[in-house]
Amino acid sequence: PSSNGTIGTVERSGNGYGVNLTNLQPGELHCIDISAELNNLISAPSHKCLLTDEMISEEPRNVRVTKATITSMSISWDQPRASNGRIINFRVYHKVCTESQFIWRSAGTETSYTIPDLNA
């Protein structure tokens, strides 16, 4: 994914120059080229890429039970509207309603999971 940020005014900073890039999205790679210009002469560009920090994702949407048996339950869900980075795993938490402790299972990057070994 890529986005267009807003480039601020170039300002002198210590021994060099700086510019603020704003309105960037979390978890995205941004590449910057900078050239020096003198009259009609333009230098080769310096090239730098950086990854913006990731933030917590929004919650998965539209969770639904797709199949239920005495011993298992299959569920599926839709990706979050905003992942704010690259999702590497979905955790599925489940418990018997009268219990206090949740059990969690890893679903990887899939948007469905079958919870096995439920007590009848």
PDB file of N, CA and C in Angstrom:
ATOM      1  N   PRO A   1       0.820  -1.198   0.000  1.00  0.00           N
ATOM      2  CA  PRO A   1       0.000   0.000   0.000  1.00  0.00           C
ATOM      3  C   PRO A   1       0.850   1.242   0.000  1.00  0.00           C
ATOM      4  N   SER A   2       0.342   2.264  -0.587  1.00  0.00           N
ATOM      5  CA  SER A   2       1.068   3.525  -0.557  1.00  0.00           C
ATOM      6  C   SER A   2       0.076   4.657  -0.400  1.00  0.00           C
ATOM      7  N   SER A   3       0.596   5.769   0.046  1.00  0.00           N
ATOM      8  CA  SER A   3      -0.266   6.932   0.213  1.00  0.00           C
ATOM      9  C   SER A   3       0.526   8.174  -0.123  1.00  0.00           C
ATOM     10  N   ASN A   4      -0.168   9.252  -0.315  1.00  0.00           N
ATOM     11  CA  ASN A   4       0.476  10.529  -0.564  1.00  0.00           C
ATOM     12  C   ASN A   4       0.448  11.340   0.710  1.00  0.00           C
ATOM     13  N   GLY A   5       1.627  11.648   1.221  1.00  0.00           N
ATOM     14  CA  GLY A   5       1.703  12.481   2.404  1.00  0.00           C
ATOM     15  C   GLY A   5       1.794  13.942   1.995  1.00  0.00           C
ATOM     16  N   THR A   6       1.774  14.802   2.961  1.00  0.00           N
ATOM     17  CA  THR A   6       1.923  16.230   2.719  1.00  0.00           C
ATOM     18  C   THR A   6       3.347  16.612   3.072  1.00  0.00           C
ATOM     19  N   ILE A   7       4.020  17.272   2.162  1.00  0.00           N
ATOM     20  CA  ILE A   7       5.403  17.686   2.395  1.00  0.00           C
ATOM     21  C   ILE A   7       5.398  19.123   2.869  1.00  0.00           C
ATOM     22  N   GLY A   8       6.047  19.343   3.996  1.00  0.00           N
ATOM     23  CA  GLY A   8       6.117  20.692   4.553  1.00  0.00           C
ATOM     24  C   GLY A   8       7.218  21.504   3.893  1.00  0.00           C
ATOM     25  N   THR A   9       7.474  22.667   4.424  1.00  0.00           N
ATOM     26  CA  THR A   9       8.501  23.567   3.915  1.00  0.00           C
ATOM     27  C   THR A   9       9.876  23.087   4.364  1.00  0.00           C
ATOM     28  N   VAL A  10      10.853  23.169   3.467  1.00  0.00           N
ATOM     29  CA  VAL A  10      12.228  22.816   3.823  1.00  0.00           C
ATOM     30  C   VAL A  10      12.759  23.889   4.762  1.00  0.00           C
ATOM     31  N   GLU A  11      13.302  23.454   5.895  1.00  0.00           N
ATOM     32  CA  GLU A  11      13.814  24.392   6.896  1.00  0.00           C
ATOM     33  C   GLU A  11      15.228  24.009   7.288  1.00  0.00           C
ATOM     34  N   ARG A  12      16.015  25.015   7.631  1.00  0.00           N
ATOM     35  CA  ARG A  12      17.380  24.768   8.092  1.00  0.00           C
ATOM     36  C   ARG A  12      17.308  24.168   9.488  1.00  0.00           C
ATOM     37  N   SER A  13      18.126  23.135   9.725  1.00  0.00           N
ATOM     38  CA  SER A  13      18.121  22.442  11.009  1.00  0.00           C
ATOM     39  C   SER A  13      19.556  22.080  11.366  1.00  0.00           C
ATOM     40  N   GLY A  14      20.157  22.788  12.305  1.00  0.00           N
ATOM     41  CA  GLY A  14      21.543  22.507  12.685  1.00  0.00           C
ATOM     42  C   GLY A  14      22.470  22.714  11.503  1.00  0.00           C
ATOM     43  N   ASN A  15      23.195  21.663  11.121  1.00  0.00           N
ATOM     44  CA  ASN A  15      24.121  21.746   9.994  1.00  0.00           C
ATOM     45  C   ASN A  15      23.480  21.371   8.669  1.00  0.00           C
ATOM     46  N   GLY A  16      22.201  21.037   8.679  1.00  0.00           N
ATOM     47  CA  GLY A  16      21.566  20.594   7.444  1.00  0.00           C
ATOM     48  C   GLY A  16      20.197  21.211   7.263  1.00  0.00           C
ATOM     49  N   TYR A  17      19.408  20.518   6.496  1.00  0.00           N
ATOM     50  CA  TYR A  17      18.044  20.955   6.214  1.00  0.00           C
ATOM     51  C   TYR A  17      17.096  19.831   6.572  1.00  0.00           C
ATOM     52  N   GLY A  18      15.861  20.175   6.830  1.00  0.00           N
ATOM     53  CA  GLY A  18      14.875  19.159   7.171  1.00  0.00           C
ATOM     54  C   GLY A  18      13.514  19.523   6.628  1.00  0.00           C
ATOM     55  N   VAL A  19      12.666  18.536   6.563  1.00  0.00           N
ATOM     56  CA  VAL A  19      11.297  18.740   6.113  1.00  0.00           C
ATOM     57  C   VAL A  19      10.419  17.741   6.855  1.00  0.00           C
ATOM     58  N   ASN A  20       9.229  18.142   7.213  1.00  0.00           N
ATOM     59  CA  ASN A  20       8.285  17.235   7.866  1.00  0.00           C
ATOM     60  C   ASN A  20       7.334  16.653   6.840  1.00  0.00           C
ATOM     61  N   LEU A  21       7.160  15.342   6.885  1.00  0.00           N
ATOM     62  CA  LEU A  21       6.152  14.663   6.074  1.00  0.00           C
ATOM     63  C   LEU A  21       5.001  14.343   7.005  1.00  0.00           C
ATOM     64  N   THR A  22       3.801  14.732   6.640  1.00  0.00           N
ATOM     65  CA  THR A  22       2.647  14.518   7.505  1.00  0.00           C
ATOM     66  C   THR A  22       1.566  13.734   6.770  1.00  0.00           C
ATOM     67  N   ASN A  23       0.560  13.331   7.501  1.00  0.00           N
ATOM     68  CA  ASN A  23      -0.582  12.576   6.969  1.00  0.00           C
ATOM     69  C   ASN A  23      -0.170  11.229   6.380  1.00  0.00           C
ATOM     70  N   LEU A  24       0.873  10.615   6.930  1.00  0.00           N
ATOM     71  CA  LEU A  24       1.301   9.291   6.488  1.00  0.00           C
ATOM     72  C   LEU A  24       0.445   8.239   7.178  1.00  0.00           C
ATOM     73  N   GLN A  25       0.348   7.076   6.586  1.00  0.00           N
ATOM     74  CA  GLN A  25      -0.445   5.989   7.144  1.00  0.00           C
ATOM     75  C   GLN A  25       0.457   5.031   7.921  1.00  0.00           C
ATOM     76  N   PRO A  26      -0.050   4.398   8.982  1.00  0.00           N
ATOM     77  CA  PRO A  26       0.762   3.459   9.760  1.00  0.00           C
ATOM     78  C   PRO A  26       1.083   2.197   8.966  1.00  0.00           C
ATOM     79  N   GLY A  27       2.269   1.658   9.210  1.00  0.00           N
ATOM     80  CA  GLY A  27       2.665   0.389   8.615  1.00  0.00           C
ATOM     81  C   GLY A  27       2.898   0.443   7.120  1.00  0.00           C
ATOM     82  N   GLU A  28       3.262   1.600   6.587  1.00  0.00           N
ATOM     83  CA  GLU A  28       3.510   1.722   5.154  1.00  0.00           C
ATOM     84  C   GLU A  28       4.960   2.103   4.893  1.00  0.00           C
ATOM     85  N   LEU A  29       5.480   1.599   3.775  1.00  0.00           N
ATOM     86  CA  LEU A  29       6.838   1.914   3.356  1.00  0.00           C
ATOM     87  C   LEU A  29       6.809   3.197   2.529  1.00  0.00           C
ATOM     88  N   HIS A  30       7.642   4.136   2.896  1.00  0.00           N
ATOM     89  CA  HIS A  30       7.739   5.405   2.178  1.00  0.00           C
ATOM     90  C   HIS A  30       9.184   5.587   1.740  1.00  0.00           C
ATOM     91  N   CYS A  31       9.384   5.909   0.464  1.00  0.00           N
ATOM     92  CA  CYS A  31      10.721   6.142  -0.074  1.00  0.00           C
ATOM     93  C   CYS A  31      10.861   7.616  -0.433  1.00  0.00           C
ATOM     94  N   ILE A  32      12.029   8.146  -0.133  1.00  0.00           N
ATOM     95  CA  ILE A  32      12.286   9.569  -0.320  1.00  0.00           C
ATOM     96  C   ILE A  32      13.563   9.720  -1.136  1.00  0.00           C
ATOM     97  N   ASP A  33      13.515  10.532  -2.169  1.00  0.00           N
ATOM     98  CA  ASP A  33      14.695  10.898  -2.947  1.00  0.00           C
ATOM     99  C   ASP A  33      14.933  12.386  -2.747  1.00  0.00           C
ATOM    100  N   ILE A  34      16.193  12.766  -2.542  1.00  0.00           N
ATOM    101  CA  ILE A  34      16.525  14.179  -2.366  1.00  0.00           C
ATOM    102  C   ILE A  34      17.699  14.508  -3.278  1.00  0.00           C
ATOM    103  N   SER A  35      17.541  15.553  -4.079  1.00  0.00           N
ATOM    104  CA  SER A  35      18.600  16.035  -4.966  1.00  0.00           C
ATOM    105  C   SER A  35      18.956  17.461  -4.578  1.00  0.00           C
ATOM    106  N   ALA A  36      20.198  17.833  -4.826  1.00  0.00           N
ATOM    107  CA  ALA A  36      20.638  19.213  -4.620  1.00  0.00           C
ATOM    108  C   ALA A  36      20.604  19.923  -5.972  1.00  0.00           C
ATOM    109  N   GLU A  37      20.140  21.164  -5.969  1.00  0.00           N
ATOM    110  CA  GLU A  37      20.023  21.921  -7.212  1.00  0.00           C
ATOM    111  C   GLU A  37      20.815  23.217  -7.085  1.00  0.00           C
ATOM    112  N   LEU A  38      21.634  23.489  -8.074  1.00  0.00           N
ATOM    113  CA  LEU A  38      22.427  24.715  -8.119  1.00  0.00           C
ATOM    114  C   LEU A  38      22.355  25.248  -9.539  1.00  0.00           C
ATOM    115  N   ASN A  39      21.740  26.410  -9.706  1.00  0.00           N
ATOM    116  CA  ASN A  39      21.489  26.969 -11.040  1.00  0.00           C
ATOM    117  C   ASN A  39      20.804  25.917 -11.902  1.00  0.00           C
ATOM    118  N   ASN A  40      21.412  25.482 -12.986  1.00  0.00           N
ATOM    119  CA  ASN A  40      20.807  24.468 -13.859  1.00  0.00           C
ATOM    120  C   ASN A  40      21.387  23.083 -13.611  1.00  0.00           C
ATOM    121  N   LEU A  41      22.123  22.908 -12.543  1.00  0.00           N
ATOM    122  CA  LEU A  41      22.760  21.624 -12.243  1.00  0.00           C
ATOM    123  C   LEU A  41      21.990  20.926 -11.125  1.00  0.00           C
ATOM    124  N   ILE A  42      21.690  19.649 -11.335  1.00  0.00           N
ATOM    125  CA  ILE A  42      20.957  18.866 -10.331  1.00  0.00           C
ATOM    126  C   ILE A  42      21.768  17.615 -10.015  1.00  0.00           C
ATOM    127  N   SER A  43      22.011  17.380  -8.739  1.00  0.00           N
ATOM    128  CA  SER A  43      22.811  16.222  -8.323  1.00  0.00           C
ATOM    129  C   SER A  43      22.026  14.925  -8.484  1.00  0.00           C
ATOM    130  N   ALA A  44      22.756  13.831  -8.404  1.00  0.00           N
ATOM    131  CA  ALA A  44      22.097  12.524  -8.313  1.00  0.00           C
ATOM    132  C   ALA A  44      21.343  12.493  -6.985  1.00  0.00           C
ATOM    133  N   PRO A  45      20.231  11.795  -6.933  1.00  0.00           N
ATOM    134  CA  PRO A  45      19.455  11.797  -5.686  1.00  0.00           C
ATOM    135  C   PRO A  45      20.030  10.856  -4.630  1.00  0.00           C
ATOM    136  N   SER A  46      19.865  11.248  -3.388  1.00  0.00           N
ATOM    137  CA  SER A  46      20.055  10.326  -2.264  1.00  0.00           C
ATOM    138  C   SER A  46      18.725   9.605  -2.096  1.00  0.00           C
ATOM    139  N   HIS A  47      18.777   8.341  -1.756  1.00  0.00           N
ATOM    140  CA  HIS A  47      17.547   7.542  -1.675  1.00  0.00           C
ATOM    141  C   HIS A  47      17.443   6.926  -0.283  1.00  0.00           C
ATOM    142  N   LYS A  48      16.290   7.064   0.333  1.00  0.00           N
ATOM    143  CA  LYS A  48      16.068   6.504   1.674  1.00  0.00           C
ATOM    144  C   LYS A  48      14.635   5.993   1.750  1.00  0.00           C
ATOM    145  N   CYS A  49      14.465   4.775   2.257  1.00  0.00           N
ATOM    146  CA  CYS A  49      13.128   4.227   2.487  1.00  0.00           C
ATOM    147  C   CYS A  49      12.958   3.970   3.978  1.00  0.00           C
ATOM    148  N   LEU A  50      11.751   4.220   4.470  1.00  0.00           N
ATOM    149  CA  LEU A  50      11.476   3.953   5.875  1.00  0.00           C
ATOM    150  C   LEU A  50      10.049   3.461   6.020  1.00  0.00           C
ATOM    151  N   LEU A  51       9.857   2.661   7.042  1.00  0.00           N
ATOM    152  CA  LEU A  51       8.552   2.086   7.337  1.00  0.00           C
ATOM    153  C   LEU A  51       7.959   2.836   8.523  1.00  0.00           C
ATOM    154  N   THR A  52       6.756   3.362   8.359  1.00  0.00           N
ATOM    155  CA  THR A  52       6.110   4.044   9.481  1.00  0.00           C
ATOM    156  C   THR A  52       5.702   3.007  10.524  1.00  0.00           C
ATOM    157  N   ASP A  53       5.629   3.433  11.763  1.00  0.00           N
ATOM    158  CA  ASP A  53       5.254   2.529  12.855  1.00  0.00           C
ATOM    159  C   ASP A  53       3.858   1.972  12.637  1.00  0.00           C
ATOM    160  N   GLU A  54       3.685   0.710  13.015  1.00  0.00           N
ATOM    161  CA  GLU A  54       2.362   0.107  12.961  1.00  0.00           C
ATOM    162  C   GLU A  54       1.595   0.480  14.218  1.00  0.00           C
ATOM    163  N   MET A  55       0.274   0.453  14.111  1.00  0.00           N
ATOM    164  CA  MET A  55      -0.599   0.741  15.244  1.00  0.00           C
ATOM    165  C   MET A  55      -1.548  -0.437  15.403  1.00  0.00           C
ATOM    166  N   ILE A  56      -2.232  -0.481  16.508  1.00  0.00           N
ATOM    167  CA  ILE A  56      -3.172  -1.569  16.740  1.00  0.00           C
ATOM    168  C   ILE A  56      -4.259  -1.550  15.657  1.00  0.00           C
ATOM    169  N   SER A  57      -4.614  -2.723  15.204  1.00  0.00           N
ATOM    170  CA  SER A  57      -5.624  -2.876  14.160  1.00  0.00           C
ATOM    171  C   SER A  57      -7.022  -2.621  14.713  1.00  0.00           C
ATOM    172  N   GLU A  58      -7.938  -2.274  13.821  1.00  0.00           N
ATOM    173  CA  GLU A  58      -9.347  -2.289  14.208  1.00  0.00           C
ATOM    174  C   GLU A  58      -9.761  -3.748  14.357  1.00  0.00           C
ATOM    175  N   GLU A  59     -10.914  -3.980  14.983  1.00  0.00           N
ATOM    176  CA  GLU A  59     -11.361  -5.348  15.235  1.00  0.00           C
ATOM    177  C   GLU A  59     -11.853  -6.011  13.944  1.00  0.00           C
ATOM    178  N   PRO A  60     -11.730  -7.366  13.869  1.00  0.00           N
ATOM    179  CA  PRO A  60     -12.322  -8.096  12.743  1.00  0.00           C
ATOM    180  C   PRO A  60     -13.835  -7.837  12.713  1.00  0.00           C
ATOM    181  N   ARG A  61     -14.426  -7.897  11.522  1.00  0.00           N
ATOM    182  CA  ARG A  61     -15.841  -7.549  11.361  1.00  0.00           C
ATOM    183  C   ARG A  61     -16.667  -8.774  10.985  1.00  0.00           C
ATOM    184  N   ASN A  62     -17.958  -8.665  11.226  1.00  0.00           N
ATOM    185  CA  ASN A  62     -18.949  -9.658  10.778  1.00  0.00           C
ATOM    186  C   ASN A  62     -18.603 -11.088  11.190  1.00  0.00           C
ATOM    187  N   VAL A  63     -18.300 -11.284  12.455  1.00  0.00           N
ATOM    188  CA  VAL A  63     -18.012 -12.632  12.961  1.00  0.00           C
ATOM    189  C   VAL A  63     -19.296 -13.454  12.894  1.00  0.00           C
ATOM    190  N   ARG A  64     -19.185 -14.656  12.342  1.00  0.00           N
ATOM    191  CA  ARG A  64     -20.371 -15.506  12.198  1.00  0.00           C
ATOM    192  C   ARG A  64     -20.010 -16.973  12.362  1.00  0.00           C
ATOM    193  N   VAL A  65     -20.954 -17.748  12.876  1.00  0.00           N
ATOM    194  CA  VAL A  65     -20.805 -19.199  12.982  1.00  0.00           C
ATOM    195  C   VAL A  65     -21.270 -19.781  11.657  1.00  0.00           C
ATOM    196  N   THR A  66     -20.411 -20.579  11.027  1.00  0.00           N
ATOM    197  CA  THR A  66     -20.766 -21.160   9.730  1.00  0.00           C
ATOM    198  C   THR A  66     -21.166 -22.626   9.839  1.00  0.00           C
ATOM    199  N   LYS A  67     -20.765 -23.274  10.940  1.00  0.00           N
ATOM    200  CA  LYS A  67     -21.146 -24.667  11.167  1.00  0.00           C
ATOM    201  C   LYS A  67     -20.922 -24.982  12.635  1.00  0.00           C
ATOM    202  N   ALA A  68     -21.846 -25.733  13.226  1.00  0.00           N
ATOM    203  CA  ALA A  68     -21.696 -26.135  14.629  1.00  0.00           C
ATOM    204  C   ALA A  68     -22.114 -27.592  14.763  1.00  0.00           C
ATOM    205  N   THR A  69     -21.287 -28.350  15.488  1.00  0.00           N
ATOM    206  CA  THR A  69     -21.615 -29.736  15.817  1.00  0.00           C
ATOM    207  C   THR A  69     -21.513 -29.883  17.327  1.00  0.00           C
ATOM    208  N   ILE A  70     -21.685 -31.093  17.819  1.00  0.00           N
ATOM    209  CA  ILE A  70     -21.559 -31.334  19.258  1.00  0.00           C
ATOM    210  C   ILE A  70     -20.127 -31.089  19.734  1.00  0.00           C
ATOM    211  N   THR A  71     -19.147 -31.336  18.858  1.00  0.00           N
ATOM    212  CA  THR A  71     -17.747 -31.260  19.287  1.00  0.00           C
ATOM    213  C   THR A  71     -16.933 -30.137  18.650  1.00  0.00           C
ATOM    214  N   SER A  72     -17.490 -29.406  17.704  1.00  0.00           N
ATOM    215  CA  SER A  72     -16.711 -28.338  17.067  1.00  0.00           C
ATOM    216  C   SER A  72     -17.617 -27.204  16.590  1.00  0.00           C
ATOM    217  N   MET A  73     -16.982 -26.076  16.314  1.00  0.00           N
ATOM    218  CA  MET A  73     -17.706 -24.919  15.797  1.00  0.00           C
ATOM    219  C   MET A  73     -16.808 -24.222  14.780  1.00  0.00           C
ATOM    220  N   SER A  74     -17.347 -23.965  13.601  1.00  0.00           N
ATOM    221  CA  SER A  74     -16.607 -23.233  12.566  1.00  0.00           C
ATOM    222  C   SER A  74     -17.105 -21.798  12.535  1.00  0.00           C
ATOM    223  N   ILE A  75     -16.161 -20.884  12.514  1.00  0.00           N
ATOM    224  CA  ILE A  75     -16.500 -19.463  12.472  1.00  0.00           C
ATOM    225  C   ILE A  75     -15.723 -18.796  11.343  1.00  0.00           C
ATOM    226  N   SER A  76     -16.234 -17.684  10.888  1.00  0.00           N
ATOM    227  CA  SER A  76     -15.510 -16.879   9.904  1.00  0.00           C
ATOM    228  C   SER A  76     -15.747 -15.408  10.221  1.00  0.00           C
ATOM    229  N   TRP A  77     -14.940 -14.556   9.629  1.00  0.00           N
ATOM    230  CA  TRP A  77     -15.026 -13.118   9.879  1.00  0.00           C
ATOM    231  C   TRP A  77     -14.425 -12.389   8.695  1.00  0.00           C
ATOM    232  N   ASP A  78     -14.663 -11.096   8.644  1.00  0.00           N
ATOM    233  CA  ASP A  78     -14.097 -10.242   7.603  1.00  0.00           C
ATOM    234  C   ASP A  78     -12.905  -9.485   8.173  1.00  0.00           C
ATOM    235  N   GLN A  79     -11.991  -9.133   7.286  1.00  0.00           N
ATOM    236  CA  GLN A  79     -10.821  -8.349   7.682  1.00  0.00           C
ATOM    237  C   GLN A  79     -11.266  -7.038   8.343  1.00  0.00           C
ATOM    238  N   PRO A  80     -10.445  -6.484   9.233  1.00  0.00           N
ATOM    239  CA  PRO A  80     -10.752  -5.164   9.798  1.00  0.00           C
ATOM    240  C   PRO A  80     -10.804  -4.106   8.692  1.00  0.00           C
ATOM    241  N   ARG A  81     -11.589  -3.075   8.899  1.00  0.00           N
ATOM    242  CA  ARG A  81     -11.633  -1.978   7.919  1.00  0.00           C
ATOM    243  C   ARG A  81     -10.247  -1.353   7.756  1.00  0.00           C
ATOM    244  N   ALA A  82      -9.557  -1.149   8.866  1.00  0.00           N
ATOM    245  CA  ALA A  82      -8.203  -0.582   8.841  1.00  0.00           C
ATOM    246  C   ALA A  82      -7.284  -1.528   9.599  1.00  0.00           C
ATOM    247  N   SER A  83      -6.330  -2.111   8.881  1.00  0.00           N
ATOM    248  CA  SER A  83      -5.405  -3.031   9.549  1.00  0.00           C
ATOM    249  C   SER A  83      -4.260  -2.279  10.219  1.00  0.00           C
ATOM    250  N   ASN A  84      -3.960  -1.070   9.745  1.00  0.00           N
ATOM    251  CA  ASN A  84      -2.881  -0.241  10.302  1.00  0.00           C
ATOM    252  C   ASN A  84      -1.535  -0.947  10.293  1.00  0.00           C
ATOM    253  N   GLY A  85      -1.317  -1.780   9.320  1.00  0.00           N
ATOM    254  CA  GLY A  85      -0.086  -2.544   9.174  1.00  0.00           C
ATOM    255  C   GLY A  85      -0.415  -3.904   8.581  1.00  0.00           C
ATOM    256  N   ARG A  86       0.534  -4.820   8.670  1.00  0.00           N
ATOM    257  CA  ARG A  86       0.359  -6.160   8.112  1.00  0.00           C
ATOM    258  C   ARG A  86      -0.060  -7.108   9.224  1.00  0.00           C
ATOM    259  N   ILE A  87      -1.266  -7.658   9.110  1.00  0.00           N
ATOM    260  CA  ILE A  87      -1.758  -8.609  10.112  1.00  0.00           C
ATOM    261  C   ILE A  87      -1.024  -9.930   9.918  1.00  0.00           C
ATOM    262  N   ILE A  88      -0.423 -10.442  10.992  1.00  0.00           N
ATOM    263  CA  ILE A  88       0.329 -11.695  10.908  1.00  0.00           C
ATOM    264  C   ILE A  88      -0.395 -12.855  11.572  1.00  0.00           C
ATOM    265  N   ASN A  89      -1.475 -12.574  12.291  1.00  0.00           N
ATOM    266  CA  ASN A  89      -2.200 -13.646  12.970  1.00  0.00           C
ATOM    267  C   ASN A  89      -3.529 -13.122  13.507  1.00  0.00           C
ATOM    268  N   PHE A  90      -4.539 -13.973  13.453  1.00  0.00           N
ATOM    269  CA  PHE A  90      -5.788 -13.715  14.157  1.00  0.00           C
ATOM    270  C   PHE A  90      -5.846 -14.685  15.327  1.00  0.00           C
ATOM    271  N   ARG A  91      -6.238 -14.203  16.496  1.00  0.00           N
ATOM    272  CA  ARG A  91      -6.428 -15.061  17.667  1.00  0.00           C
ATOM    273  C   ARG A  91      -7.916 -15.285  17.869  1.00  0.00           C
ATOM    274  N   VAL A  92      -8.277 -16.538  18.033  1.00  0.00           N
ATOM    275  CA  VAL A  92      -9.671 -16.898  18.292  1.00  0.00           C
ATOM    276  C   VAL A  92      -9.768 -17.269  19.768  1.00  0.00           C
ATOM    277  N   TYR A  93     -10.542 -16.518  20.522  1.00  0.00           N
ATOM    278  CA  TYR A  93     -10.742 -16.768  21.949  1.00  0.00           C
ATOM    279  C   TYR A  93     -12.099 -17.434  22.133  1.00  0.00           C
ATOM    280  N   HIS A  94     -12.147 -18.458  22.979  1.00  0.00           N
ATOM    281  CA  HIS A  94     -13.443 -19.090  23.256  1.00  0.00           C
ATOM    282  C   HIS A  94     -13.451 -19.646  24.673  1.00  0.00           C
ATOM    283  N   LYS A  95     -14.667 -19.815  25.205  1.00  0.00           N
ATOM    284  CA  LYS A  95     -14.839 -20.394  26.533  1.00  0.00           C
ATOM    285  C   LYS A  95     -16.284 -20.832  26.681  1.00  0.00           C
ATOM    286  N   VAL A  96     -16.514 -21.707  27.621  1.00  0.00           N
ATOM    287  CA  VAL A  96     -17.872 -22.039  28.027  1.00  0.00           C
ATOM    288  C   VAL A  96     -18.374 -20.834  28.814  1.00  0.00           C
ATOM    289  N   CYS A  97     -19.594 -20.413  28.564  1.00  0.00           N
ATOM    290  CA  CYS A  97     -20.101 -19.165  29.167  1.00  0.00           C
ATOM    291  C   CYS A  97     -20.025 -19.156  30.691  1.00  0.00           C
ATOM    292  N   THR A  98     -20.123 -20.311  31.328  1.00  0.00           N
ATOM    293  CA  THR A  98     -20.063 -20.359  32.793  1.00  0.00           C
ATOM    294  C   THR A  98     -18.634 -20.354  33.320  1.00  0.00           C
ATOM    295  N   GLU A  99     -17.655 -20.480  32.451  1.00  0.00           N
ATOM    296  CA  GLU A  99     -16.241 -20.459  32.852  1.00  0.00           C
ATOM    297  C   GLU A  99     -15.720 -19.025  32.829  1.00  0.00           C
ATOM    298  N   SER A 100     -14.646 -18.787  33.551  1.00  0.00           N
ATOM    299  CA  SER A 100     -14.069 -17.446  33.555  1.00  0.00           C
ATOM    300  C   SER A 100     -12.853 -17.339  32.633  1.00  0.00           C
ATOM    301  N   GLN A 101     -12.221 -18.451  32.341  1.00  0.00           N
ATOM    302  CA  GLN A 101     -10.973 -18.446  31.581  1.00  0.00           C
ATOM    303  C   GLN A 101     -11.218 -18.700  30.090  1.00  0.00           C
ATOM    304  N   PHE A 102     -10.700 -17.797  29.249  1.00  0.00           N
ATOM    305  CA  PHE A 102     -10.749 -17.998  27.803  1.00  0.00           C
ATOM    306  C   PHE A 102      -9.593 -18.888  27.368  1.00  0.00           C
ATOM    307  N   ILE A 103      -9.803 -19.628  26.315  1.00  0.00           N
ATOM    308  CA  ILE A 103      -8.750 -20.376  25.625  1.00  0.00           C
ATOM    309  C   ILE A 103      -8.550 -19.657  24.296  1.00  0.00           C
ATOM    310  N   TRP A 104      -7.303 -19.487  23.878  1.00  0.00           N
ATOM    311  CA  TRP A 104      -7.116 -18.865  22.572  1.00  0.00           C
ATOM    312  C   TRP A 104      -6.364 -19.800  21.656  1.00  0.00           C
ATOM    313  N   ARG A 105      -6.686 -19.670  20.388  1.00  0.00           N
ATOM    314  CA  ARG A 105      -6.064 -20.481  19.340  1.00  0.00           C
ATOM    315  C   ARG A 105      -5.626 -19.545  18.216  1.00  0.00           C
ATOM    316  N   SER A 106      -4.585 -19.941  17.536  1.00  0.00           N
ATOM    317  CA  SER A 106      -4.060 -19.157  16.425  1.00  0.00           C
ATOM    318  C   SER A 106      -4.733 -19.574  15.120  1.00  0.00           C
ATOM    319  N   ALA A 107      -5.230 -18.595  14.371  1.00  0.00           N
ATOM    320  CA  ALA A 107      -5.843 -18.866  13.067  1.00  0.00           C
ATOM    321  C   ALA A 107      -4.929 -18.441  11.922  1.00  0.00           C
ATOM    322  N   GLY A 108      -3.726 -17.967  12.246  1.00  0.00           N
ATOM    323  CA  GLY A 108      -2.843 -17.471  11.189  1.00  0.00           C
ATOM    324  C   GLY A 108      -3.471 -16.250  10.531  1.00  0.00           C
ATOM    325  N   THR A 109      -3.306 -16.140   9.236  1.00  0.00           N
ATOM    326  CA  THR A 109      -3.879 -14.996   8.520  1.00  0.00           C
ATOM    327  C   THR A 109      -5.209 -15.343   7.853  1.00  0.00           C
ATOM    328  N   GLU A 110      -5.689 -16.557   8.077  1.00  0.00           N
ATOM    329  CA  GLU A 110      -6.981 -16.972   7.517  1.00  0.00           C
ATOM    330  C   GLU A 110      -8.114 -16.213   8.201  1.00  0.00           C
ATOM    331  N   THR A 111      -9.235 -16.096   7.526  1.00  0.00           N
ATOM    332  CA  THR A 111     -10.400 -15.424   8.111  1.00  0.00           C
ATOM    333  C   THR A 111     -11.498 -16.428   8.444  1.00  0.00           C
ATOM    334  N   SER A 112     -11.073 -17.629   8.775  1.00  0.00           N
ATOM    335  CA  SER A 112     -12.014 -18.646   9.267  1.00  0.00           C
ATOM    336  C   SER A 112     -11.226 -19.617  10.138  1.00  0.00           C
ATOM    337  N   TYR A 113     -11.945 -20.291  11.025  1.00  0.00           N
ATOM    338  CA  TYR A 113     -11.285 -21.235  11.926  1.00  0.00           C
ATOM    339  C   TYR A 113     -12.339 -22.189  12.477  1.00  0.00           C
ATOM    340  N   THR A 114     -11.940 -23.444  12.661  1.00  0.00           N
ATOM    341  CA  THR A 114     -12.804 -24.421  13.316  1.00  0.00           C
ATOM    342  C   THR A 114     -12.246 -24.693  14.702  1.00  0.00           C
ATOM    343  N   ILE A 115     -13.048 -24.438  15.716  1.00  0.00           N
ATOM    344  CA  ILE A 115     -12.653 -24.705  17.101  1.00  0.00           C
ATOM    345  C   ILE A 115     -12.950 -26.178  17.364  1.00  0.00           C
ATOM    346  N   PRO A 116     -11.907 -26.989  17.600  1.00  0.00           N
ATOM    347  CA  PRO A 116     -12.118 -28.422  17.804  1.00  0.00           C
ATOM    348  C   PRO A 116     -12.318 -28.753  19.283  1.00  0.00           C
ATOM    349  N   ASP A 117     -12.619 -29.991  19.540  1.00  0.00           N
ATOM    350  CA  ASP A 117     -12.616 -30.553  20.900  1.00  0.00           C
ATOM    351  C   ASP A 117     -13.496 -29.799  21.893  1.00  0.00           C
ATOM    352  N   LEU A 118     -14.661 -29.364  21.456  1.00  0.00           N
ATOM    353  CA  LEU A 118     -15.594 -28.746  22.399  1.00  0.00           C
ATOM    354  C   LEU A 118     -16.238 -29.838  23.231  1.00  0.00           C
ATOM    355  N   ASN A 119     -16.530 -29.541  24.468  1.00  0.00           N
ATOM    356  CA  ASN A 119     -17.185 -30.522  25.340  1.00  0.00           C
ATOM    357  C   ASN A 119     -18.661 -30.599  25.004  1.00  0.00           C
ATOM    358  N   ALA A 120     -19.159 -31.828  24.932  1.00  0.00           N
ATOM    359  CA  ALA A 120     -20.582 -32.017  24.602  1.00  0.00           C
ATOM    360  C   ALA A 120     -21.431 -31.742  25.821  1.00  0.00           C
TER     361      ALA A 120
END
